[in-house]
C-alpha atoms as a PDB file:
ATOM      1  CA  MET A   1      99.326  63.085   3.064  1.00  0.00           C
ATOM      2  CA  THR A   2      97.048  59.762   1.492  1.00  0.00           C
ATOM      3  CA  PRO A   3      95.456  59.440  -1.978  1.00  0.00           C
ATOM      4  CA  ALA A   4      92.029  59.833  -0.023  1.00  0.00           C
ATOM      5  CA  ALA A   5      93.119  63.253   1.837  1.00  0.00           C
ATOM      6  CA  SER A   6      94.291  64.444  -1.841  1.00  0.00           C
ATOM      7  CA  ALA A   7      91.711  63.991  -3.321  1.00  0.00           C
ATOM      8  CA  LYS A   8      89.133  65.276  -0.785  1.00  0.00           C
ATOM      9  CA  GLY A   9      91.431  68.337  -0.743  1.00  0.00           C
ATOM     10  CA  SER A  10      90.796  68.831  -4.298  1.00  0.00           C
ATOM     11  CA  ARG A  11      86.792  68.237  -3.982  1.00  0.00           C
ATOM     12  CA  ASN A  12      87.036  70.876  -0.965  1.00  0.00           C
ATOM     13  CA  SER A  13      89.336  73.431  -2.162  1.00  0.00           C
ATOM     14  CA  ALA A  14      89.135  76.334   0.471  1.00  0.00           C
ATOM     15  CA  LYS A  15      88.287  79.811  -1.124  1.00  0.00           C
ATOM     16  CA  THR A  16      91.039  82.380  -2.200  1.00  0.00           C
ATOM     17  CA  ARG A  17      89.775  84.338   1.215  1.00  0.00           C
ATOM     18  CA  THR A  18      90.674  81.661   3.428  1.00  0.00           C
ATOM     19  CA  CYS A  19      93.939  81.146   1.952  1.00  0.00           C
ATOM     20  CA  CYS A  20      94.814  84.932   1.379  1.00  0.00           C
ATOM     21  CA  ARG A  21      97.769  85.188   3.495  1.00  0.00           C
ATOM     22  CA  TRP A  22      99.795  81.915   2.456  1.00  0.00           C
ATOM     23  CA  PRO A  23     101.266  83.631  -0.635  1.00  0.00           C
ATOM     24  CA  THR A  24     102.046  87.051   1.234  1.00  0.00           C
ATOM     25  CA  ALA A  25     103.985  84.346   4.274  1.00  0.00           C
ATOM     26  CA  ALA A  26     105.624  82.399   1.350  1.00  0.00           C
ATOM     27  CA  TYR A  27     106.997  85.703  -0.313  1.00  0.00           C
ATOM     28  CA  SER A  28     108.060  87.113   3.351  1.00  0.00           C
ATOM     29  CA  ARG A  29     110.243  83.819   3.619  1.00  0.00           C
ATOM     30  CA  SER A  30     111.844  84.599   0.575  1.00  0.00           C
ATOM     31  CA  GLU A  31     112.641  88.192   1.602  1.00  0.00           C
ATOM     32  CA  ALA A  32     114.271  87.090   4.526  1.00  0.00           C
ATOM     33  CA  ASP A  33     116.593  84.400   2.827  1.00  0.00           C
ATOM     34  CA  TRP A  34     117.733  87.889   0.555  1.00  0.00           C
ATOM     35  CA  LEU A  35     117.845  89.901   3.287  1.00  0.00           C
ATOM     36  CA  VAL A  36     119.339  87.390   5.454  1.00  0.00           C
ATOM     37  CA  GLY A  37     120.695  85.016   3.674  1.00  0.00           C
ATOM     38  CA  ILE A  38     122.432  86.291   0.835  1.00  0.00           C
ATOM     39  CA  ASN A  39     122.794  89.745   1.949  1.00  0.00           C
ATOM     40  CA  GLY A  40     123.846  88.747   5.229  1.00  0.00           C
ATOM     41  CA  THR A  41     126.394  86.067   4.166  1.00  0.00           C
ATOM     42  CA  ARG A  42     127.754  88.837   2.237  1.00  0.00           C
ATOM     43  CA  ALA A  43     128.174  91.197   4.007  1.00  0.00           C
ATOM     44  CA  MET A  44     129.818  89.354   6.985  1.00  0.00           C
ATOM     45  CA  THR A  45     132.396  87.529   4.643  1.00  0.00           C
ATOM     46  CA  ALA A  46     133.610  91.178   3.507  1.00  0.00           C
ATOM     47  CA  PHE A  47     133.595  92.219   7.500  1.00  0.00           C
ATOM     48  CA  ASN A  48     135.750  88.712   8.704  1.00  0.00           C
ATOM     49  CA  SER A  49     137.903  89.005   5.523  1.00  0.00           C
ATOM     50  CA  LYS A  50     138.718  92.839   5.558  1.00  0.00           C
ATOM     51  CA  LEU A  51     142.617  92.090   6.829  1.00  0.00           C
ATOM     52  CA  GLY A  52     143.155  89.417   4.631  1.00  0.00           C
ATOM     53  CA  GLY A  53     142.445  86.642   2.988  1.00  0.00           C
ATOM     54  CA  PHE A  54     138.689  84.817   2.598  1.00  0.00           C
ATOM     55  CA  PHE A  55     137.051  83.548   5.504  1.00  0.00           C
ATOM     56  CA  LYS A  56     133.341  82.312   4.232  1.00  0.00           C
ATOM     57  CA  THR A  57     130.726  83.494   7.118  1.00  0.00           C
ATOM     58  CA  THR A  58     127.330  82.032   6.304  1.00  0.00           C
ATOM     59  CA  VAL A  59     124.321  83.726   7.606  1.00  0.00           C
ATOM     60  CA  GLY A  60     120.728  82.275   7.424  1.00  0.00           C
ATOM     61  CA  ARG A  61     117.155  82.651   8.434  1.00  0.00           C
ATOM     62  CA  VAL A  62     116.906  79.899   9.773  1.00  0.00           C
ATOM     63  CA  GLN A  63     120.354  78.900  10.825  1.00  0.00           C
ATOM     64  CA  THR A  64     121.300  82.422  12.358  1.00  0.00           C
ATOM     65  CA  PRO A  65     118.874  81.706  15.155  1.00  0.00           C
ATOM     66  CA  THR A  66     119.221  77.581  15.528  1.00  0.00           C
ATOM     67  CA  LEU A  67     123.065  78.332  16.198  1.00  0.00           C
ATOM     68  CA  ALA A  68     121.885  81.175  18.921  1.00  0.00           C
ATOM     69  CA  ILE A  69     120.102  78.744  20.327  1.00  0.00           C
ATOM     70  CA  VAL A  70     122.767  75.669  20.636  1.00  0.00           C
ATOM     71  CA  VAL A  71     125.411  78.877  21.580  1.00  0.00           C
ATOM     72  CA  GLU A  72     123.486  80.162  24.243  1.00  0.00           C
ATOM     73  CA  ARG A  73     123.138  76.282  25.579  1.00  0.00           C
ATOM     74  CA  GLU A  74     126.956  75.547  25.351  1.00  0.00           C
ATOM     75  CA  ALA A  75     127.408  78.976  27.359  1.00  0.00           C
ATOM     76  CA  ARG A  76     124.886  78.314  30.181  1.00  0.00           C
ATOM     77  CA  ILE A  77     127.119  73.903  29.905  1.00  0.00           C
ATOM     78  CA  ARG A  78     130.017  76.317  30.692  1.00  0.00           C
ATOM     79  CA  LYS A  79     128.677  78.541  33.492  1.00  0.00           C
ATOM     80  CA  PHE A  80     127.254  75.373  35.095  1.00  0.00           C
ATOM     81  CA  VAL A  81     128.656  74.982  38.761  1.00  0.00           C
ATOM     82  CA  SER A  82     127.676  71.880  40.751  1.00  0.00           C
ATOM     83  CA  ARG A  83     126.013  72.294  44.294  1.00  0.00           C
ATOM     84  CA  ASP A  84     125.123  70.128  46.614  1.00  0.00           C
ATOM     85  CA  PHE A  85     121.570  69.274  47.570  1.00  0.00           C
ATOM     86  CA  TRP A  86     119.648  66.876  49.800  1.00  0.00           C
ATOM     87  CA  GLU A  87     116.240  64.754  49.191  1.00  0.00           C
ATOM     88  CA  VAL A  88     114.419  63.066  52.197  1.00  0.00           C
ATOM     89  CA  ILE A  89     112.997  59.889  51.039  1.00  0.00           C
ATOM     90  CA  GLY A  90     111.044  57.724  53.473  1.00  0.00           C
ATOM     91  CA  THR A  91     109.656  54.083  53.426  1.00  0.00           C
ATOM     92  CA  PHE A  92     106.083  54.018  54.817  1.00  0.00           C
ATOM     93  CA  ASP A  93     104.261  51.023  56.004  1.00  0.00           C
ATOM     94  CA  ALA A  94     100.551  50.294  54.946  1.00  0.00           C
ATOM     95  CA  ALA A  95      98.115  47.901  54.862  1.00  0.00           C
ATOM     96  CA  ALA A  96      98.857  46.488  51.117  1.00  0.00           C
ATOM     97  CA  GLY A  97     102.748  46.343  52.308  1.00  0.00           C
ATOM     98  CA  GLN A  98     105.263  48.772  52.252  1.00  0.00           C
ATOM     99  CA  TYR A  99     106.465  51.920  49.294  1.00  0.00           C
ATOM    100  CA  THR A 100     108.678  54.279  49.321  1.00  0.00           C
ATOM    101  CA  GLY A 101     107.675  58.098  49.201  1.00  0.00           C
ATOM    102  CA  ARG A 102     109.558  61.438  48.480  1.00  0.00           C
ATOM    103  CA  TRP A 103     109.189  64.799  50.168  1.00  0.00           C
ATOM    104  CA  PHE A 104     108.542  67.757  47.963  1.00  0.00           C
ATOM    105  CA  ASP A 105     107.804  71.380  48.680  1.00  0.00           C
ATOM    106  CA  GLU A 106     104.112  72.039  47.847  1.00  0.00           C
ATOM    107  CA  LYS A 107     104.715  76.204  47.384  1.00  0.00           C
ATOM    108  CA  PHE A 108     107.459  75.150  45.216  1.00  0.00           C
ATOM    109  CA  SER A 109     106.994  77.661  41.960  1.00  0.00           C
ATOM    110  CA  LYS A 110     109.641  77.492  38.970  1.00  0.00           C
ATOM    111  CA  PRO A 111     111.908  80.433  38.550  1.00  0.00           C
ATOM    112  CA  ASP A 112     110.065  82.908  35.792  1.00  0.00           C
ATOM    113  CA  GLY A 113     113.129  83.437  32.663  1.00  0.00           C
ATOM    114  CA  LYS A 114     115.526  81.613  30.879  1.00  0.00           C
ATOM    115  CA  ASP A 115     118.215  83.630  33.199  1.00  0.00           C
ATOM    116  CA  GLY A 116     116.167  81.727  36.269  1.00  0.00           C
ATOM    117  CA  ASP A 117     117.730  79.104  37.958  1.00  0.00           C
ATOM    118  CA  ASP A 118     117.182  75.390  36.323  1.00  0.00           C
ATOM    119  CA  GLN A 119     118.502  73.578  39.290  1.00  0.00           C
ATOM    120  CA  LEU A 120     115.409  74.475  41.770  1.00  0.00           C
ATOM    121  CA  LYS A 121     113.576  71.705  42.338  1.00  0.00           C
ATOM    122  CA  PRO A 122     110.314  71.147  44.688  1.00  0.00           C
ATOM    123  CA  GLU A 123     112.199  67.924  46.129  1.00  0.00           C
ATOM    124  CA  ARG A 124     115.188  69.255  46.650  1.00  0.00           C
ATOM    125  CA  LEU A 125     116.869  71.046  49.861  1.00  0.00           C
ATOM    126  CA  TRP A 126     119.844  73.096  49.813  1.00  0.00           C
ATOM    127  CA  ASP A 127     120.185  73.192  53.865  1.00  0.00           C
ATOM    128  CA  VAL A 128     121.255  70.003  55.057  1.00  0.00           C
ATOM    129  CA  GLY A 129     120.002  71.306  58.736  1.00  0.00           C
ATOM    130  CA  CYS A 130     116.397  71.496  57.126  1.00  0.00           C
ATOM    131  CA  ALA A 131     116.485  67.981  55.731  1.00  0.00           C
ATOM    132  CA  GLN A 132     117.738  66.640  59.044  1.00  0.00           C
ATOM    133  CA  ALA A 133     115.293  68.283  60.536  1.00  0.00           C
ATOM    134  CA  LEU A 134     112.137  67.400  58.266  1.00  0.00           C
ATOM    135  CA  GLN A 135     113.868  63.650  59.026  1.00  0.00           C
ATOM    136  CA  GLU A 136     112.934  63.848  63.044  1.00  0.00           C
ATOM    137  CA  LYS A 137     109.678  65.350  62.434  1.00  0.00           C
ATOM    138  CA  CYS A 138     108.530  61.982  60.377  1.00  0.00           C
ATOM    139  CA  LEU A 139     110.854  59.355  61.594  1.00  0.00           C
ATOM    140  CA  GLY A 140     108.615  56.367  63.407  1.00  0.00           C
ATOM    141  CA  GLN A 141     105.044  58.792  63.247  1.00  0.00           C
ATOM    142  CA  THR A 142     101.860  57.264  62.519  1.00  0.00           C
ATOM    143  CA  ARG A 143      99.425  58.307  60.446  1.00  0.00           C
ATOM    144  CA  HIS A 144      95.896  56.727  59.877  1.00  0.00           C
ATOM    145  CA  ARG A 145      93.611  58.106  56.838  1.00  0.00           C
ATOM    146  CA  HIS A 146      90.872  56.574  55.210  1.00  0.00           C
ATOM    147  CA  ARG A 147      89.855  57.286  51.654  1.00  0.00           C
ATOM    148  CA  GLY A 148      86.523  56.590  50.681  1.00  0.00           C
ATOM    149  CA  LYS A 149      85.625  55.832  46.712  1.00  0.00           C
ATOM    150  CA  GLN A 150      84.125  58.680  44.396  1.00  0.00           C
ATOM    151  CA  ALA A 151      84.033  59.583  40.509  1.00  0.00           C
ATOM    152  CA  GLU A 152      87.000  60.449  39.020  1.00  0.00           C
ATOM    153  CA  HIS A 153      87.141  61.869  35.282  1.00  0.00           C
ATOM    154  CA  VAL A 154      90.419  61.013  33.273  1.00  0.00           C
ATOM    155  CA  ALA A 155      91.067  63.097  30.434  1.00  0.00           C
ATOM    156  CA  VAL A 156      91.304  60.936  27.092  1.00  0.00           C
ATOM    157  CA  ALA A 157      94.639  60.167  25.669  1.00  0.00           C
ATOM    158  CA  VAL A 158      96.267  62.140  23.004  1.00  0.00           C
ATOM    159  CA  ALA A 159      97.162  60.540  19.815  1.00  0.00           C
ATOM    160  CA  LEU A 160     101.287  58.862  19.111  1.00  0.00           C
ATOM    161  CA  ARG A 161     103.732  60.980  17.714  1.00  0.00           C
ATOM    162  CA  PHE A 162     106.471  58.711  16.413  1.00  0.00           C
ATOM    163  CA  ASP A 163     108.948  59.256  19.294  1.00  0.00           C
ATOM    164  CA  GLU A 164     106.308  57.730  21.779  1.00  0.00           C
ATOM    165  CA  PHE A 165     104.912  55.235  19.623  1.00  0.00           C
ATOM    166  CA  ALA A 166     108.926  53.890  19.228  1.00  0.00           C
ATOM    167  CA  ALA A 167     109.119  54.430  23.205  1.00  0.00           C
ATOM    168  CA  ARG A 168     106.279  52.084  23.451  1.00  0.00           C
ATOM    169  CA  ARG A 169     106.988  49.411  21.338  1.00  0.00           C
ATOM    170  CA  GLU A 170     110.199  48.925  22.517  1.00  0.00           C
ATOM    171  CA  LEU A 171     109.356  48.552  26.157  1.00  0.00           C
ATOM    172  CA  ALA A 172     106.915  45.863  24.629  1.00  0.00           C
ATOM    173  CA  VAL A 173     108.797  44.133  22.167  1.00  0.00           C
ATOM    174  CA  TRP A 174     112.050  44.797  23.107  1.00  0.00           C
ATOM    175  CA  VAL A 175     112.720  46.879  19.616  1.00  0.00           C
ATOM    176  CA  PHE A 176     115.059  49.493  18.819  1.00  0.00           C
ATOM    177  CA  ARG A 177     114.021  52.655  17.164  1.00  0.00           C
ATOM    178  CA  GLU A 178     115.709  52.497  14.065  1.00  0.00           C
ATOM    179  CA  ASP A 179     113.782  48.941  13.961  1.00  0.00           C
ATOM    180  CA  THR A 180     110.684  50.780  14.278  1.00  0.00           C
ATOM    181  CA  LEU A 181     111.209  53.609  12.025  1.00  0.00           C
ATOM    182  CA  GLY A 182     111.943  51.806   9.114  1.00  0.00           C
ATOM    183  CA  LEU A 183     109.008  49.169   9.652  1.00  0.00           C
ATOM    184  CA  ALA A 184     106.545  52.202   9.749  1.00  0.00           C
ATOM    185  CA  GLN A 185     108.308  53.927   6.547  1.00  0.00           C
ATOM    186  CA  ALA A 186     107.812  51.172   4.770  1.00  0.00           C
ATOM    187  CA  LEU A 187     103.925  50.671   6.178  1.00  0.00           C
ATOM    188  CA  TYR A 188     103.540  54.543   4.929  1.00  0.00           C
ATOM    189  CA  GLU A 189     105.321  54.146   1.594  1.00  0.00           C
ATOM    190  CA  ARG A 190     105.345  51.073   0.112  1.00  0.00           C
ATOM    191  CA  HIS A 191     101.777  49.502   1.862  1.00  0.00           C
ATOM    192  CA  LYS A 192      99.931  52.494   2.486  1.00  0.00           C
ATOM    193  CA  VAL A 193      98.373  51.313   5.815  1.00  0.00           C
ATOM    194  CA  LEU A 194     100.043  54.042   8.130  1.00  0.00           C
ATOM    195  CA  THR A 195      99.863  58.219   7.812  1.00  0.00           C
ATOM    196  CA  TYR A 196     103.394  60.399   7.578  1.00  0.00           C
ATOM    197  CA  PRO A 197     105.348  58.289  10.486  1.00  0.00           C
ATOM    198  CA  ARG A 198     107.955  60.799  10.890  1.00  0.00           C
ATOM    199  CA  THR A 199     105.408  63.385  13.248  1.00  0.00           C
ATOM    200  CA  ASP A 200     105.997  65.272  16.434  1.00  0.00           C
ATOM    201  CA  SER A 201     102.211  66.316  16.084  1.00  0.00           C
ATOM    202  CA  ARG A 202      99.883  64.630  18.876  1.00  0.00           C
ATOM    203  CA  ALA A 203      96.451  66.071  17.596  1.00  0.00           C
ATOM    204  CA  LEU A 204      94.481  65.326  14.435  1.00  0.00           C
ATOM    205  CA  PRO A 205      92.778  67.542  12.067  1.00  0.00           C
ATOM    206  CA  GLY A 206      89.427  68.986  12.995  1.00  0.00           C
ATOM    207  CA  GLY A 207      87.183  66.918  10.309  1.00  0.00           C
ATOM    208  CA  LEU A 208      89.377  63.456  10.872  1.00  0.00           C
ATOM    209  CA  HIS A 209      87.288  61.767  13.139  1.00  0.00           C
ATOM    210  CA  ARG A 210      84.771  60.222  10.868  1.00  0.00           C
ATOM    211  CA  THR A 211      88.032  58.833   8.711  1.00  0.00           C
ATOM    212  CA  VAL A 212      88.894  57.280  12.439  1.00  0.00           C
ATOM    213  CA  LYS A 213      85.386  55.932  12.753  1.00  0.00           C
ATOM    214  CA  ASN A 214      85.219  54.218   9.362  1.00  0.00           C
ATOM    215  CA  ALA A 215      89.358  52.893  10.263  1.00  0.00           C
ATOM    216  CA  LEU A 216      87.625  51.249  13.364  1.00  0.00           C
ATOM    217  CA  LYS A 217      84.963  49.816  11.257  1.00  0.00           C
ATOM    218  CA  MET A 218      87.670  48.206   9.208  1.00  0.00           C
ATOM    219  CA  LEU A 219      89.452  46.449  12.115  1.00  0.00           C
ATOM    220  CA  GLY A 220      86.220  44.362  12.654  1.00  0.00           C
ATOM    221  CA  GLU A 221      87.419  41.287  10.909  1.00  0.00           C
ATOM    222  CA  THR A 222      90.896  41.632  13.063  1.00  0.00           C
ATOM    223  CA  GLY A 223      91.930  40.591  16.271  1.00  0.00           C
ATOM    224  CA  TYR A 224      91.078  44.278  17.542  1.00  0.00           C
ATOM    225  CA  ALA A 225      87.373  43.493  16.657  1.00  0.00           C
ATOM    226  CA  ALA A 226      86.071  43.611  20.344  1.00  0.00           C
ATOM    227  CA  PHE A 227      88.020  46.760  20.670  1.00  0.00           C
ATOM    228  CA  ALA A 228      86.715  48.611  18.034  1.00  0.00           C
ATOM    229  CA  GLU A 229      83.155  47.640  18.516  1.00  0.00           C
ATOM    230  CA  THR A 230      83.357  48.880  22.112  1.00  0.00           C
ATOM    231  CA  ILE A 231      84.716  52.070  21.180  1.00  0.00           C
ATOM    232  CA  LEU A 232      81.826  52.668  18.245  1.00  0.00           C
ATOM    233  CA  ARG A 233      79.245  51.273  20.323  1.00  0.00           C
ATOM    234  CA  ASN A 234      80.141  53.853  23.238  1.00  0.00           C
ATOM    235  CA  ASN A 235      80.494  56.818  20.701  1.00  0.00           C
ATOM    236  CA  TRP A 236      84.612  57.561  21.890  1.00  0.00           C
ATOM    237  CA  VAL A 237      85.375  58.941  18.973  1.00  0.00           C
ATOM    238  CA  HIS A 238      83.959  62.259  18.361  1.00  0.00           C
ATOM    239  CA  PRO A 239      85.010  66.358  18.043  1.00  0.00           C
ATOM    240  CA  ASN A 240      87.144  66.883  21.055  1.00  0.00           C
ATOM    241  CA  LYS A 241      89.587  70.030  20.764  1.00  0.00           C
ATOM    242  CA  ARG A 242      92.136  67.882  22.752  1.00  0.00           C
ATOM    243  CA  ILE A 243      92.230  65.327  19.927  1.00  0.00           C
ATOM    244  CA  PHE A 244      90.900  67.084  16.798  1.00  0.00           C
ATOM    245  CA  ASN A 245      92.631  70.559  16.740  1.00  0.00           C
ATOM    246  CA  ASN A 246      93.520  72.092  13.928  1.00  0.00           C
ATOM    247  CA  ALA A 247      95.723  74.964  16.015  1.00  0.00           C
ATOM    248  CA  LYS A 248      97.941  72.127  17.102  1.00  0.00           C
ATOM    249  CA  VAL A 249      98.444  70.260  14.078  1.00  0.00           C
ATOM    250  CA  SER A 250     102.132  70.847  12.399  1.00  0.00           C
ATOM    251  CA  ASP A 251     103.635  70.079   9.073  1.00  0.00           C
ATOM    252  CA  HIS A 252     101.629  66.348   9.371  1.00  0.00           C
ATOM    253  CA  PHE A 253      99.417  65.139  11.567  1.00  0.00           C
ATOM    254  CA  ALA A 254      99.542  62.198  14.375  1.00  0.00           C
ATOM    255  CA  ILE A 255     100.295  58.409  13.487  1.00  0.00           C
ATOM    256  CA  ILE A 256      96.829  56.955  12.353  1.00  0.00           C
ATOM    257  CA  ARG A 257      95.871  54.284   9.536  1.00  0.00           C
ATOM    258  CA  PRO A 258      93.890  55.511   6.660  1.00  0.00           C
ATOM    259  CA  ARG A 259      90.715  53.496   6.207  1.00  0.00           C
ATOM    260  CA  ARG A 260      91.595  52.290   2.622  1.00  0.00           C
ATOM    261  CA  ARG A 261      91.373  48.330   3.173  1.00  0.00           C
ATOM    262  CA  ARG A 262      95.176  46.679   2.053  1.00  0.00           C
ATOM    263  CA  THR A 263      96.384  43.409   2.192  1.00  0.00           C
ATOM    264  CA  VAL A 264      99.972  43.014   3.099  1.00  0.00           C
ATOM    265  CA  CYS A 265     102.662  40.473   2.807  1.00  0.00           C
ATOM    266  CA  PRO A 266     105.218  40.992   4.388  1.00  0.00           C
ATOM    267  CA  SER A 267     107.321  37.754   4.153  1.00  0.00           C
ATOM    268  CA  ARG A 268     108.795  35.626   1.656  1.00  0.00           C
ATOM    269  CA  ASN A 269     106.426  32.599   2.768  1.00  0.00           C
ATOM    270  CA  GLY A 270     103.470  34.164   1.703  1.00  0.00           C
ATOM    271  CA  SER A 271     101.677  34.719   4.433  1.00  0.00           C
ATOM    272  CA  CYS A 272      99.317  37.888   4.510  1.00  0.00           C
ATOM    273  CA  THR A 273      97.628  40.465   6.832  1.00  0.00           C
ATOM    274  CA  THR A 274      94.474  42.433   5.472  1.00  0.00           C
ATOM    275  CA  TRP A 275      94.675  45.993   7.115  1.00  0.00           C
END
């Protein structure tokens, strides 16, 4: 939460009927902590200590389902049996040069359910005879194909969460994830020029597109002015369910910069940057 967002929330407080389920949800979590956590821990500890001694066995509303996921995954790892499979990879000559392609089954469908075979993939062949037959069918063949120009609609990119932000920065400037997290956390806590960085959400709240536009306007005096002006001139920031969607926002929304202008001096030599 930024100071601007807190002030806006106070001015536009939701009506009681809009949030009437929130106290109920909190009450149900509290009940679950008592019923599952406290009573369940006492019951399981007494059961495991009935033959003597004291064997504390904790049970929790969050702990127990999480532990079940870990145990289930460990069981699948122990039951894993390696199998041989084959892939057909070919080198093709084109006008622009050579390229490598891999065969895959166009009719492949992923098995449903958690008990399905997770080793099945569209590019894998489990019979060496089928792989050799595909190789002989394609080897030395010539095909001519002309593809004309056509318009293509590309979906707008979603906002960034921290792991994607860190991965892009690592590829661009070879900086480790821990360094990126430390920098992002400092920009959030100390300088207030970044929203909460430890987020796994790729969406923004529905009414935040105006804030994004204001943030772009503030980039007019920076090196990103040309890009910001292009975005604003073409009206590329508008209500879009792919990005501005309350249903896709978790505890924190995707990373953006607040609209407040700040001057940051990250080094001791006096060099400052306006954000």
